[in-house]
Amino acid sequence: MKKVLVFITDGFADWEASYVTAELNKPEAGFQVQTIAIDKNPKVSMGGLTVLPDYSLQEFSSKLEFVMLIMPGGTGWREEKNHQAKKLVNFCFERNIPVAAICDATTFLGNYGFLEQHKHTGNSLSYLKEGAPNYRGDENYIEEQSVSDGCLITANGSGALEFSRDILNKLSVLKNEELEEWYDLFKNGFIKR
């Protein structure tokens, strides 16, 4: 089983990664979803779910093998203590491990220069500039629900389905027609009118 890590903070937006983690965790997908945080203390999501992290940055080792880092948004990214995640993101970029960030997690990436070399999106260009004063990636910003470029996937806070679709495609869990059918089902439902 290949590991996918989800970085969680207190106040993480639980719904932003829920579509994709459910698909990745299916036995036939061949992946195992685990969580990582700055420490091993329980984290409470925006929806009130309490999650005990599997790993902490304090004990993180380069020997830990994983194939993607998913970073849900939420209120925690504005807190300085969670910026310790920069070390983990650096680790991923140095090793070509895909990083998928949505909502305020993209703002965090923008503040540390991780978006500048890739096509990307976020909640809006003005929101990104306001929340990430060090952001310098204007020319690569694309106004889309989700953008996948190389080892980086970014999405705005209303793009959880598109974000999930890009992750499933990147990890080859679903492809082509099967992926589009999955997306259509969750975007438009069983009942078509």
N, C-alpha and C. Protein backbone atom coordinates (compact mmCIF):
# COMPACT_ATOMS: atom_id res chain seq x y z
N MET A 1 0.84 -1.19 0.00
CA MET A 1 0.00 0.00 0.00
C MET A 1 0.88 1.25 0.00
N LYS A 2 0.60 2.14 -0.93
CA LYS A 2 1.33 3.40 -0.99
C LYS A 2 0.65 4.40 -0.05
N LYS A 3 1.48 5.12 0.72
CA LYS A 3 0.95 6.09 1.69
C LYS A 3 0.70 7.44 1.04
N VAL A 4 -0.43 8.05 1.41
CA VAL A 4 -0.73 9.44 1.09
C VAL A 4 -0.91 10.14 2.43
N LEU A 5 -0.17 11.22 2.63
CA LEU A 5 -0.26 11.97 3.89
C LEU A 5 -1.20 13.16 3.73
N VAL A 6 -2.03 13.38 4.73
CA VAL A 6 -2.90 14.56 4.79
C VAL A 6 -2.43 15.39 5.97
N PHE A 7 -2.02 16.63 5.68
CA PHE A 7 -1.55 17.51 6.74
C PHE A 7 -2.75 18.19 7.39
N ILE A 8 -2.89 17.98 8.71
CA ILE A 8 -4.04 18.56 9.41
C ILE A 8 -3.59 19.57 10.46
N THR A 9 -4.43 20.57 10.65
CA THR A 9 -4.22 21.59 11.67
C THR A 9 -5.51 21.67 12.48
N ASP A 10 -5.46 22.30 13.64
CA ASP A 10 -6.72 22.63 14.30
C ASP A 10 -7.47 23.57 13.36
N GLY A 11 -8.74 23.30 13.15
CA GLY A 11 -9.54 24.12 12.25
C GLY A 11 -9.40 23.74 10.79
N PHE A 12 -8.88 22.52 10.49
CA PHE A 12 -8.76 22.13 9.08
C PHE A 12 -10.14 21.92 8.46
N ALA A 13 -10.25 22.24 7.19
CA ALA A 13 -11.52 22.12 6.47
C ALA A 13 -11.72 20.66 6.07
N ASP A 14 -12.40 19.91 6.92
CA ASP A 14 -12.52 18.46 6.75
C ASP A 14 -13.13 18.03 5.42
N TRP A 15 -14.07 18.79 4.87
CA TRP A 15 -14.73 18.42 3.63
C TRP A 15 -13.83 18.56 2.40
N GLU A 16 -12.79 19.36 2.49
CA GLU A 16 -11.99 19.65 1.30
C GLU A 16 -11.17 18.45 0.82
N ALA A 17 -10.91 17.50 1.69
CA ALA A 17 -10.18 16.30 1.28
C ALA A 17 -11.02 15.04 1.41
N SER A 18 -12.28 15.18 1.78
CA SER A 18 -13.08 13.99 2.09
C SER A 18 -13.45 13.16 0.86
N TYR A 19 -13.74 13.80 -0.26
CA TYR A 19 -14.06 13.02 -1.47
C TYR A 19 -12.87 12.15 -1.87
N VAL A 20 -11.70 12.76 -1.89
CA VAL A 20 -10.53 12.04 -2.40
C VAL A 20 -10.01 11.00 -1.41
N THR A 21 -10.04 11.30 -0.11
CA THR A 21 -9.53 10.31 0.84
C THR A 21 -10.40 9.07 0.86
N ALA A 22 -11.70 9.24 0.68
CA ALA A 22 -12.60 8.07 0.62
C ALA A 22 -12.25 7.18 -0.57
N GLU A 23 -11.93 7.77 -1.70
CA GLU A 23 -11.56 6.98 -2.89
C GLU A 23 -10.19 6.32 -2.71
N LEU A 24 -9.25 7.07 -2.17
CA LEU A 24 -7.89 6.53 -1.99
C LEU A 24 -7.88 5.39 -0.99
N ASN A 25 -8.74 5.44 0.01
CA ASN A 25 -8.73 4.44 1.07
C ASN A 25 -9.47 3.15 0.69
N LYS A 26 -10.10 3.11 -0.48
CA LYS A 26 -10.73 1.86 -0.91
C LYS A 26 -9.64 0.81 -1.10
N PRO A 27 -9.86 -0.42 -0.64
CA PRO A 27 -8.82 -1.45 -0.73
C PRO A 27 -8.26 -1.64 -2.15
N GLU A 28 -9.12 -1.56 -3.16
CA GLU A 28 -8.66 -1.79 -4.53
C GLU A 28 -7.82 -0.64 -5.09
N ALA A 29 -7.81 0.51 -4.41
CA ALA A 29 -7.03 1.66 -4.90
C ALA A 29 -5.54 1.47 -4.67
N GLY A 30 -5.18 0.73 -3.63
CA GLY A 30 -3.76 0.48 -3.36
C GLY A 30 -3.08 1.57 -2.55
N PHE A 31 -3.86 2.43 -1.91
CA PHE A 31 -3.30 3.52 -1.11
C PHE A 31 -3.78 3.42 0.33
N GLN A 32 -2.99 4.02 1.22
CA GLN A 32 -3.37 4.14 2.61
C GLN A 32 -3.26 5.61 2.98
N VAL A 33 -4.35 6.19 3.45
CA VAL A 33 -4.36 7.60 3.85
C VAL A 33 -3.99 7.68 5.33
N GLN A 34 -3.01 8.53 5.63
CA GLN A 34 -2.62 8.78 7.01
C GLN A 34 -2.46 10.28 7.22
N THR A 35 -2.50 10.69 8.48
CA THR A 35 -2.44 12.12 8.78
C THR A 35 -1.12 12.49 9.43
N ILE A 36 -0.74 13.74 9.20
CA ILE A 36 0.46 14.30 9.81
C ILE A 36 0.11 15.72 10.27
N ALA A 37 0.72 16.14 11.37
CA ALA A 37 0.49 17.48 11.92
C ALA A 37 1.79 17.95 12.57
N ILE A 38 1.77 19.16 13.12
CA ILE A 38 2.99 19.66 13.75
C ILE A 38 3.36 18.85 14.99
N ASP A 39 2.35 18.26 15.64
CA ASP A 39 2.57 17.42 16.81
C ASP A 39 1.52 16.31 16.82
N LYS A 40 1.56 15.47 17.81
CA LYS A 40 0.64 14.34 17.87
C LYS A 40 -0.63 14.64 18.66
N ASN A 41 -0.81 15.89 19.07
CA ASN A 41 -2.02 16.25 19.81
C ASN A 41 -3.23 16.15 18.88
N PRO A 42 -4.39 15.76 19.41
CA PRO A 42 -5.60 15.68 18.57
C PRO A 42 -5.88 17.03 17.91
N LYS A 43 -6.34 16.99 16.68
CA LYS A 43 -6.71 18.19 15.93
C LYS A 43 -8.22 18.16 15.71
N VAL A 44 -8.87 19.30 15.89
CA VAL A 44 -10.32 19.39 15.71
C VAL A 44 -10.60 20.19 14.45
N SER A 45 -11.33 19.57 13.53
CA SER A 45 -11.63 20.18 12.24
C SER A 45 -12.68 21.28 12.39
N MET A 46 -12.90 22.04 11.31
CA MET A 46 -13.94 23.07 11.32
C MET A 46 -15.30 22.46 11.58
N GLY A 47 -15.49 21.21 11.16
CA GLY A 47 -16.76 20.53 11.37
C GLY A 47 -16.88 19.84 12.72
N GLY A 48 -15.86 19.99 13.57
CA GLY A 48 -15.92 19.42 14.92
C GLY A 48 -15.44 17.99 15.02
N LEU A 49 -14.80 17.47 13.97
CA LEU A 49 -14.27 16.11 14.03
C LEU A 49 -12.90 16.13 14.69
N THR A 50 -12.68 15.26 15.64
CA THR A 50 -11.39 15.18 16.32
C THR A 50 -10.57 14.07 15.67
N VAL A 51 -9.36 14.43 15.25
CA VAL A 51 -8.48 13.47 14.56
C VAL A 51 -7.16 13.39 15.31
N LEU A 52 -6.71 12.18 15.57
CA LEU A 52 -5.42 11.96 16.21
C LEU A 52 -4.41 11.71 15.08
N PRO A 53 -3.43 12.61 14.89
CA PRO A 53 -2.48 12.45 13.79
C PRO A 53 -1.67 11.15 13.90
N ASP A 54 -1.41 10.54 12.75
CA ASP A 54 -0.57 9.35 12.70
C ASP A 54 0.90 9.70 12.89
N TYR A 55 1.30 10.86 12.37
CA TYR A 55 2.69 11.29 12.42
C TYR A 55 2.75 12.75 12.85
N SER A 56 3.91 13.15 13.35
CA SER A 56 4.13 14.56 13.66
C SER A 56 5.38 15.03 12.94
N LEU A 57 5.46 16.32 12.71
CA LEU A 57 6.68 16.89 12.11
C LEU A 57 7.87 16.68 13.03
N GLN A 58 7.63 16.63 14.34
CA GLN A 58 8.72 16.45 15.30
C GLN A 58 9.43 15.12 15.11
N GLU A 59 8.70 14.10 14.67
CA GLU A 59 9.29 12.77 14.51
C GLU A 59 9.48 12.41 13.03
N PHE A 60 9.19 13.36 12.14
CA PHE A 60 9.25 13.06 10.71
C PHE A 60 10.66 12.65 10.31
N SER A 61 10.74 11.60 9.53
CA SER A 61 12.02 11.09 9.06
C SER A 61 11.98 10.98 7.54
N SER A 62 13.10 11.24 6.92
CA SER A 62 13.18 11.11 5.46
C SER A 62 13.01 9.65 5.03
N LYS A 63 12.99 8.74 5.99
CA LYS A 63 12.77 7.33 5.67
C LYS A 63 11.29 7.01 5.46
N LEU A 64 10.41 7.93 5.88
CA LEU A 64 8.98 7.72 5.70
C LEU A 64 8.66 7.80 4.21
N GLU A 65 8.15 6.73 3.67
CA GLU A 65 7.83 6.71 2.24
C GLU A 65 6.36 7.04 2.03
N PHE A 66 6.11 8.04 1.18
CA PHE A 66 4.75 8.41 0.82
C PHE A 66 4.77 8.98 -0.59
N VAL A 67 3.61 8.94 -1.25
CA VAL A 67 3.57 9.31 -2.67
C VAL A 67 2.89 10.65 -2.94
N MET A 68 2.26 11.24 -1.92
CA MET A 68 1.63 12.55 -2.08
C MET A 68 1.36 13.16 -0.71
N LEU A 69 1.39 14.49 -0.70
CA LEU A 69 1.00 15.25 0.48
C LEU A 69 -0.24 16.07 0.10
N ILE A 70 -1.33 15.87 0.84
CA ILE A 70 -2.56 16.64 0.64
C ILE A 70 -2.70 17.62 1.79
N MET A 71 -2.97 18.88 1.45
CA MET A 71 -3.06 19.93 2.45
C MET A 71 -4.43 20.60 2.37
N PRO A 72 -5.39 20.17 3.21
CA PRO A 72 -6.68 20.86 3.24
C PRO A 72 -6.50 22.27 3.79
N GLY A 73 -7.41 23.15 3.44
CA GLY A 73 -7.38 24.51 3.96
C GLY A 73 -7.95 24.56 5.36
N GLY A 74 -8.38 25.74 5.74
CA GLY A 74 -8.96 25.92 7.06
C GLY A 74 -8.30 27.05 7.81
N THR A 75 -8.79 27.29 9.01
CA THR A 75 -8.36 28.44 9.79
C THR A 75 -6.93 28.32 10.32
N GLY A 76 -6.40 27.13 10.40
CA GLY A 76 -5.08 26.92 10.99
C GLY A 76 -3.90 27.47 10.21
N TRP A 77 -4.07 27.70 8.92
CA TRP A 77 -2.94 28.15 8.10
C TRP A 77 -2.51 29.58 8.39
N ARG A 78 -3.33 30.33 9.09
CA ARG A 78 -2.95 31.70 9.46
C ARG A 78 -2.13 31.71 10.76
N GLU A 79 -2.04 30.55 11.41
CA GLU A 79 -1.29 30.47 12.67
C GLU A 79 0.17 30.12 12.38
N GLU A 80 1.06 30.92 12.94
CA GLU A 80 2.50 30.77 12.71
C GLU A 80 3.01 29.36 13.02
N LYS A 81 2.48 28.74 14.08
CA LYS A 81 2.99 27.42 14.47
C LYS A 81 2.84 26.39 13.35
N ASN A 82 1.81 26.52 12.53
CA ASN A 82 1.60 25.55 11.45
C ASN A 82 2.51 25.78 10.25
N HIS A 83 3.23 26.88 10.26
CA HIS A 83 4.16 27.15 9.16
C HIS A 83 5.39 26.26 9.23
N GLN A 84 5.48 25.46 10.30
CA GLN A 84 6.51 24.43 10.36
C GLN A 84 6.35 23.43 9.21
N ALA A 85 5.16 23.39 8.62
CA ALA A 85 4.90 22.48 7.49
C ALA A 85 5.79 22.80 6.29
N LYS A 86 6.38 23.98 6.28
CA LYS A 86 7.29 24.37 5.20
C LYS A 86 8.39 23.32 5.01
N LYS A 87 8.88 22.76 6.10
CA LYS A 87 9.93 21.74 6.05
C LYS A 87 9.45 20.51 5.26
N LEU A 88 8.23 20.09 5.51
CA LEU A 88 7.67 18.92 4.83
C LEU A 88 7.42 19.22 3.35
N VAL A 89 6.92 20.41 3.06
CA VAL A 89 6.67 20.79 1.66
C VAL A 89 8.00 20.86 0.91
N ASN A 90 9.01 21.43 1.51
CA ASN A 90 10.35 21.44 0.89
C ASN A 90 10.82 20.03 0.58
N PHE A 91 10.65 19.14 1.55
CA PHE A 91 11.03 17.74 1.38
C PHE A 91 10.34 17.16 0.14
N CYS A 92 9.05 17.43 0.00
CA CYS A 92 8.29 16.91 -1.14
C CYS A 92 8.80 17.48 -2.46
N PHE A 93 8.96 18.78 -2.54
CA PHE A 93 9.40 19.40 -3.78
C PHE A 93 10.80 18.94 -4.18
N GLU A 94 11.68 18.75 -3.22
CA GLU A 94 13.04 18.27 -3.50
C GLU A 94 13.04 16.86 -4.08
N ARG A 95 12.01 16.07 -3.76
CA ARG A 95 11.96 14.67 -4.19
C ARG A 95 10.87 14.40 -5.23
N ASN A 96 10.29 15.46 -5.78
CA ASN A 96 9.22 15.32 -6.78
C ASN A 96 8.01 14.54 -6.26
N ILE A 97 7.73 14.66 -4.98
CA ILE A 97 6.52 14.07 -4.39
C ILE A 97 5.41 15.09 -4.58
N PRO A 98 4.33 14.73 -5.25
CA PRO A 98 3.25 15.70 -5.48
C PRO A 98 2.68 16.29 -4.19
N VAL A 99 2.39 17.59 -4.26
CA VAL A 99 1.76 18.33 -3.17
C VAL A 99 0.43 18.85 -3.70
N ALA A 100 -0.65 18.58 -2.97
CA ALA A 100 -1.98 19.05 -3.36
C ALA A 100 -2.52 19.92 -2.24
N ALA A 101 -2.75 21.21 -2.55
CA ALA A 101 -3.20 22.17 -1.53
C ALA A 101 -4.47 22.86 -2.00
N ILE A 102 -5.37 23.09 -1.07
CA ILE A 102 -6.65 23.72 -1.39
C ILE A 102 -6.93 24.86 -0.41
N CYS A 103 -7.61 25.88 -0.90
CA CYS A 103 -8.08 26.99 -0.07
C CYS A 103 -6.91 27.69 0.62
N ASP A 104 -6.96 27.87 1.93
CA ASP A 104 -5.90 28.62 2.60
C ASP A 104 -4.56 27.90 2.63
N ALA A 105 -4.53 26.61 2.35
CA ALA A 105 -3.23 25.93 2.24
C ALA A 105 -2.47 26.45 1.01
N THR A 106 -3.20 26.88 -0.03
CA THR A 106 -2.51 27.48 -1.19
C THR A 106 -1.92 28.83 -0.80
N THR A 107 -2.60 29.56 0.06
CA THR A 107 -2.09 30.84 0.54
C THR A 107 -0.80 30.63 1.31
N PHE A 108 -0.78 29.60 2.15
CA PHE A 108 0.44 29.23 2.88
C PHE A 108 1.57 28.94 1.88
N LEU A 109 1.30 28.14 0.86
CA LEU A 109 2.33 27.82 -0.14
C LEU A 109 2.82 29.07 -0.86
N GLY A 110 1.88 29.96 -1.17
CA GLY A 110 2.23 31.20 -1.86
C GLY A 110 3.14 32.09 -1.04
N ASN A 111 2.96 32.11 0.25
CA ASN A 111 3.78 32.96 1.12
C ASN A 111 5.23 32.49 1.17
N TYR A 112 5.46 31.20 0.88
CA TYR A 112 6.81 30.65 0.94
C TYR A 112 7.41 30.35 -0.43
N GLY A 113 6.80 30.87 -1.49
CA GLY A 113 7.39 30.77 -2.81
C GLY A 113 7.17 29.45 -3.54
N PHE A 114 6.33 28.58 -3.01
CA PHE A 114 6.13 27.27 -3.64
C PHE A 114 5.28 27.32 -4.91
N LEU A 115 4.55 28.41 -5.11
CA LEU A 115 3.66 28.51 -6.27
C LEU A 115 4.32 29.15 -7.49
N GLU A 116 5.39 29.85 -7.29
CA GLU A 116 5.96 30.72 -8.32
C GLU A 116 6.40 30.01 -9.59
N GLN A 117 6.83 28.77 -9.50
CA GLN A 117 7.34 28.05 -10.68
C GLN A 117 6.28 27.17 -11.34
N HIS A 118 5.06 27.23 -10.86
CA HIS A 118 4.00 26.35 -11.36
C HIS A 118 2.73 27.14 -11.66
N LYS A 119 1.97 26.65 -12.63
CA LYS A 119 0.61 27.17 -12.81
C LYS A 119 -0.16 26.78 -11.55
N HIS A 120 -1.01 27.68 -11.07
CA HIS A 120 -1.70 27.43 -9.80
C HIS A 120 -2.95 28.29 -9.71
N THR A 121 -3.73 27.99 -8.70
CA THR A 121 -4.91 28.79 -8.37
C THR A 121 -5.01 28.92 -6.86
N GLY A 122 -6.05 29.59 -6.41
CA GLY A 122 -6.31 29.78 -4.99
C GLY A 122 -7.71 30.37 -4.87
N ASN A 123 -8.03 30.91 -3.72
CA ASN A 123 -9.38 31.46 -3.53
C ASN A 123 -9.65 32.63 -4.46
N SER A 124 -8.66 33.43 -4.73
CA SER A 124 -8.67 34.48 -5.75
C SER A 124 -7.27 35.09 -5.72
N LEU A 125 -6.90 35.78 -6.78
CA LEU A 125 -5.57 36.38 -6.81
C LEU A 125 -5.45 37.44 -5.72
N SER A 126 -6.48 38.25 -5.53
CA SER A 126 -6.41 39.30 -4.51
C SER A 126 -6.34 38.69 -3.11
N TYR A 127 -7.08 37.61 -2.88
CA TYR A 127 -7.05 36.92 -1.58
C TYR A 127 -5.66 36.36 -1.31
N LEU A 128 -5.06 35.76 -2.35
CA LEU A 128 -3.73 35.18 -2.23
C LEU A 128 -2.70 36.26 -1.89
N LYS A 129 -2.78 37.39 -2.58
CA LYS A 129 -1.82 38.48 -2.33
C LYS A 129 -2.00 39.07 -0.93
N GLU A 130 -3.25 39.18 -0.50
CA GLU A 130 -3.51 39.73 0.83
C GLU A 130 -3.01 38.79 1.92
N GLY A 131 -3.29 37.49 1.77
CA GLY A 131 -2.93 36.51 2.80
C GLY A 131 -1.49 36.06 2.76
N ALA A 132 -0.82 36.27 1.63
CA ALA A 132 0.57 35.84 1.46
C ALA A 132 1.40 37.02 0.96
N PRO A 133 1.84 37.89 1.86
CA PRO A 133 2.55 39.10 1.43
C PRO A 133 3.83 38.83 0.63
N ASN A 134 4.40 37.63 0.76
CA ASN A 134 5.62 37.29 0.01
C ASN A 134 5.33 36.66 -1.35
N TYR A 135 4.07 36.48 -1.69
CA TYR A 135 3.66 35.84 -2.95
C TYR A 135 4.12 36.66 -4.15
N ARG A 136 4.73 35.97 -5.14
CA ARG A 136 5.21 36.63 -6.36
C ARG A 136 4.86 35.80 -7.61
N GLY A 137 3.74 35.10 -7.59
CA GLY A 137 3.43 34.19 -8.69
C GLY A 137 2.32 34.64 -9.62
N ASP A 138 2.04 35.94 -9.66
CA ASP A 138 0.91 36.47 -10.44
C ASP A 138 0.82 35.90 -11.86
N GLU A 139 1.98 35.82 -12.53
CA GLU A 139 1.96 35.41 -13.95
C GLU A 139 1.58 33.95 -14.14
N ASN A 140 1.63 33.15 -13.09
CA ASN A 140 1.25 31.74 -13.18
C ASN A 140 -0.10 31.44 -12.55
N TYR A 141 -0.79 32.49 -12.10
CA TYR A 141 -2.10 32.30 -11.47
C TYR A 141 -3.16 32.06 -12.55
N ILE A 142 -4.00 31.05 -12.35
CA ILE A 142 -5.08 30.73 -13.29
C ILE A 142 -6.39 30.71 -12.50
N GLU A 143 -7.38 31.40 -13.02
CA GLU A 143 -8.68 31.45 -12.35
C GLU A 143 -9.49 30.21 -12.73
N GLU A 144 -9.29 29.15 -11.97
CA GLU A 144 -9.97 27.86 -12.18
C GLU A 144 -10.30 27.27 -10.81
N GLN A 145 -11.17 26.28 -10.80
CA GLN A 145 -11.50 25.59 -9.56
C GLN A 145 -10.28 24.83 -9.03
N SER A 146 -9.57 24.16 -9.93
CA SER A 146 -8.38 23.39 -9.55
C SER A 146 -7.41 23.40 -10.72
N VAL A 147 -6.13 23.44 -10.39
CA VAL A 147 -5.08 23.46 -11.41
C VAL A 147 -4.03 22.42 -11.04
N SER A 148 -3.67 21.59 -12.01
CA SER A 148 -2.63 20.59 -11.81
C SER A 148 -1.48 20.92 -12.75
N ASP A 149 -0.28 21.10 -12.18
CA ASP A 149 0.90 21.42 -12.98
C ASP A 149 2.11 20.72 -12.37
N GLY A 150 2.61 19.73 -13.08
CA GLY A 150 3.75 18.98 -12.57
C GLY A 150 3.41 18.30 -11.26
N CYS A 151 4.20 18.58 -10.24
CA CYS A 151 4.00 17.96 -8.92
C CYS A 151 3.17 18.83 -7.98
N LEU A 152 2.42 19.78 -8.55
CA LEU A 152 1.61 20.66 -7.70
C LEU A 152 0.16 20.68 -8.18
N ILE A 153 -0.74 20.49 -7.23
CA ILE A 153 -2.18 20.63 -7.48
C ILE A 153 -2.68 21.68 -6.50
N THR A 154 -3.40 22.67 -7.02
CA THR A 154 -3.98 23.71 -6.16
C THR A 154 -5.45 23.88 -6.51
N ALA A 155 -6.23 24.33 -5.53
CA ALA A 155 -7.66 24.54 -5.76
C ALA A 155 -8.17 25.64 -4.85
N ASN A 156 -9.28 26.23 -5.27
CA ASN A 156 -9.93 27.21 -4.39
C ASN A 156 -10.86 26.46 -3.44
N GLY A 157 -11.35 27.16 -2.44
CA GLY A 157 -12.14 26.53 -1.38
C GLY A 157 -13.46 25.93 -1.82
N SER A 158 -13.95 26.30 -3.02
CA SER A 158 -15.19 25.71 -3.51
C SER A 158 -14.91 24.61 -4.54
N GLY A 159 -13.65 24.24 -4.69
CA GLY A 159 -13.27 23.28 -5.73
C GLY A 159 -12.89 21.91 -5.22
N ALA A 160 -13.50 21.44 -4.13
CA ALA A 160 -13.12 20.15 -3.55
C ALA A 160 -13.28 18.99 -4.54
N LEU A 161 -14.32 19.02 -5.36
CA LEU A 161 -14.51 17.93 -6.34
C LEU A 161 -13.47 17.97 -7.44
N GLU A 162 -13.19 19.15 -7.95
CA GLU A 162 -12.19 19.29 -9.01
C GLU A 162 -10.79 18.96 -8.47
N PHE A 163 -10.53 19.37 -7.24
CA PHE A 163 -9.29 19.06 -6.53
C PHE A 163 -9.14 17.54 -6.42
N SER A 164 -10.20 16.88 -5.99
CA SER A 164 -10.20 15.42 -5.85
C SER A 164 -9.97 14.75 -7.20
N ARG A 165 -10.64 15.26 -8.23
CA ARG A 165 -10.48 14.69 -9.58
C ARG A 165 -9.02 14.79 -10.02
N ASP A 166 -8.39 15.94 -9.78
CA ASP A 166 -6.99 16.10 -10.18
C ASP A 166 -6.06 15.17 -9.40
N ILE A 167 -6.34 14.96 -8.13
CA ILE A 167 -5.53 14.04 -7.32
C ILE A 167 -5.71 12.60 -7.81
N LEU A 168 -6.96 12.18 -8.02
CA LEU A 168 -7.22 10.82 -8.50
C LEU A 168 -6.56 10.57 -9.85
N ASN A 169 -6.55 11.58 -10.69
CA ASN A 169 -5.89 11.48 -11.99
C ASN A 169 -4.37 11.38 -11.82
N LYS A 170 -3.79 12.24 -11.00
CA LYS A 170 -2.34 12.28 -10.77
C LYS A 170 -1.84 10.95 -10.23
N LEU A 171 -2.61 10.34 -9.33
CA LEU A 171 -2.20 9.07 -8.72
C LEU A 171 -2.69 7.86 -9.52
N SER A 172 -3.33 8.11 -10.66
CA SER A 172 -3.84 7.06 -11.56
C SER A 172 -4.81 6.11 -10.86
N VAL A 173 -5.57 6.64 -9.91
CA VAL A 173 -6.60 5.83 -9.25
C VAL A 173 -7.77 5.65 -10.21
N LEU A 174 -8.18 6.73 -10.84
CA LEU A 174 -9.20 6.71 -11.88
C LEU A 174 -8.65 7.49 -13.07
N LYS A 175 -9.00 7.07 -14.27
CA LYS A 175 -8.51 7.74 -15.48
C LYS A 175 -9.63 7.90 -16.50
N ASN A 176 -9.46 8.86 -17.37
CA ASN A 176 -10.29 9.07 -18.54
C ASN A 176 -11.79 9.00 -18.24
N GLU A 177 -12.50 8.09 -18.94
CA GLU A 177 -13.95 8.02 -18.84
C GLU A 177 -14.41 7.66 -17.42
N GLU A 178 -13.70 6.76 -16.77
CA GLU A 178 -14.05 6.36 -15.40
C GLU A 178 -13.94 7.56 -14.45
N LEU A 179 -12.91 8.37 -14.63
CA LEU A 179 -12.72 9.56 -13.80
C LEU A 179 -13.82 10.58 -14.07
N GLU A 180 -14.16 10.78 -15.33
CA GLU A 180 -15.21 11.74 -15.66
C GLU A 180 -16.57 11.29 -15.15
N GLU A 181 -16.83 9.98 -15.18
CA GLU A 181 -18.08 9.45 -14.63
C GLU A 181 -18.15 9.68 -13.12
N TRP A 182 -17.04 9.45 -12.44
CA TRP A 182 -16.98 9.68 -11.00
C TRP A 182 -17.27 11.16 -10.70
N TYR A 183 -16.59 12.04 -11.42
CA TYR A 183 -16.76 13.48 -11.22
C TYR A 183 -18.21 13.89 -11.50
N ASP A 184 -18.78 13.43 -12.58
CA ASP A 184 -20.14 13.78 -12.96
C ASP A 184 -21.14 13.30 -11.90
N LEU A 185 -20.92 12.12 -11.36
CA LEU A 185 -21.81 11.60 -10.33
C LEU A 185 -21.86 12.52 -9.11
N PHE A 186 -20.69 12.93 -8.62
CA PHE A 186 -20.66 13.76 -7.43
C PHE A 186 -21.00 15.22 -7.72
N LYS A 187 -20.73 15.68 -8.91
CA LYS A 187 -21.03 17.07 -9.27
C LYS A 187 -22.52 17.25 -9.56
N ASN A 188 -23.11 16.28 -10.28
CA ASN A 188 -24.48 16.43 -10.75
C ASN A 188 -25.49 15.48 -10.13
N GLY A 189 -25.02 14.47 -9.39
CA GLY A 189 -25.90 13.54 -8.69
C GLY A 189 -26.45 12.42 -9.56
N PHE A 190 -27.21 11.55 -8.95
CA PHE A 190 -27.85 10.42 -9.63
C PHE A 190 -28.98 10.92 -10.53
N ILE A 191 -29.69 11.92 -10.05
CA ILE A 191 -30.89 12.40 -10.75
C ILE A 191 -30.52 13.56 -11.66
N LYS A 192 -30.73 13.37 -12.93
CA LYS A 192 -30.46 14.43 -13.91
C LYS A 192 -31.79 15.02 -14.38
N ARG A 193 -31.94 16.30 -14.31
CA ARG A 193 -33.19 16.95 -14.74
C ARG A 193 -32.95 17.87 -15.89
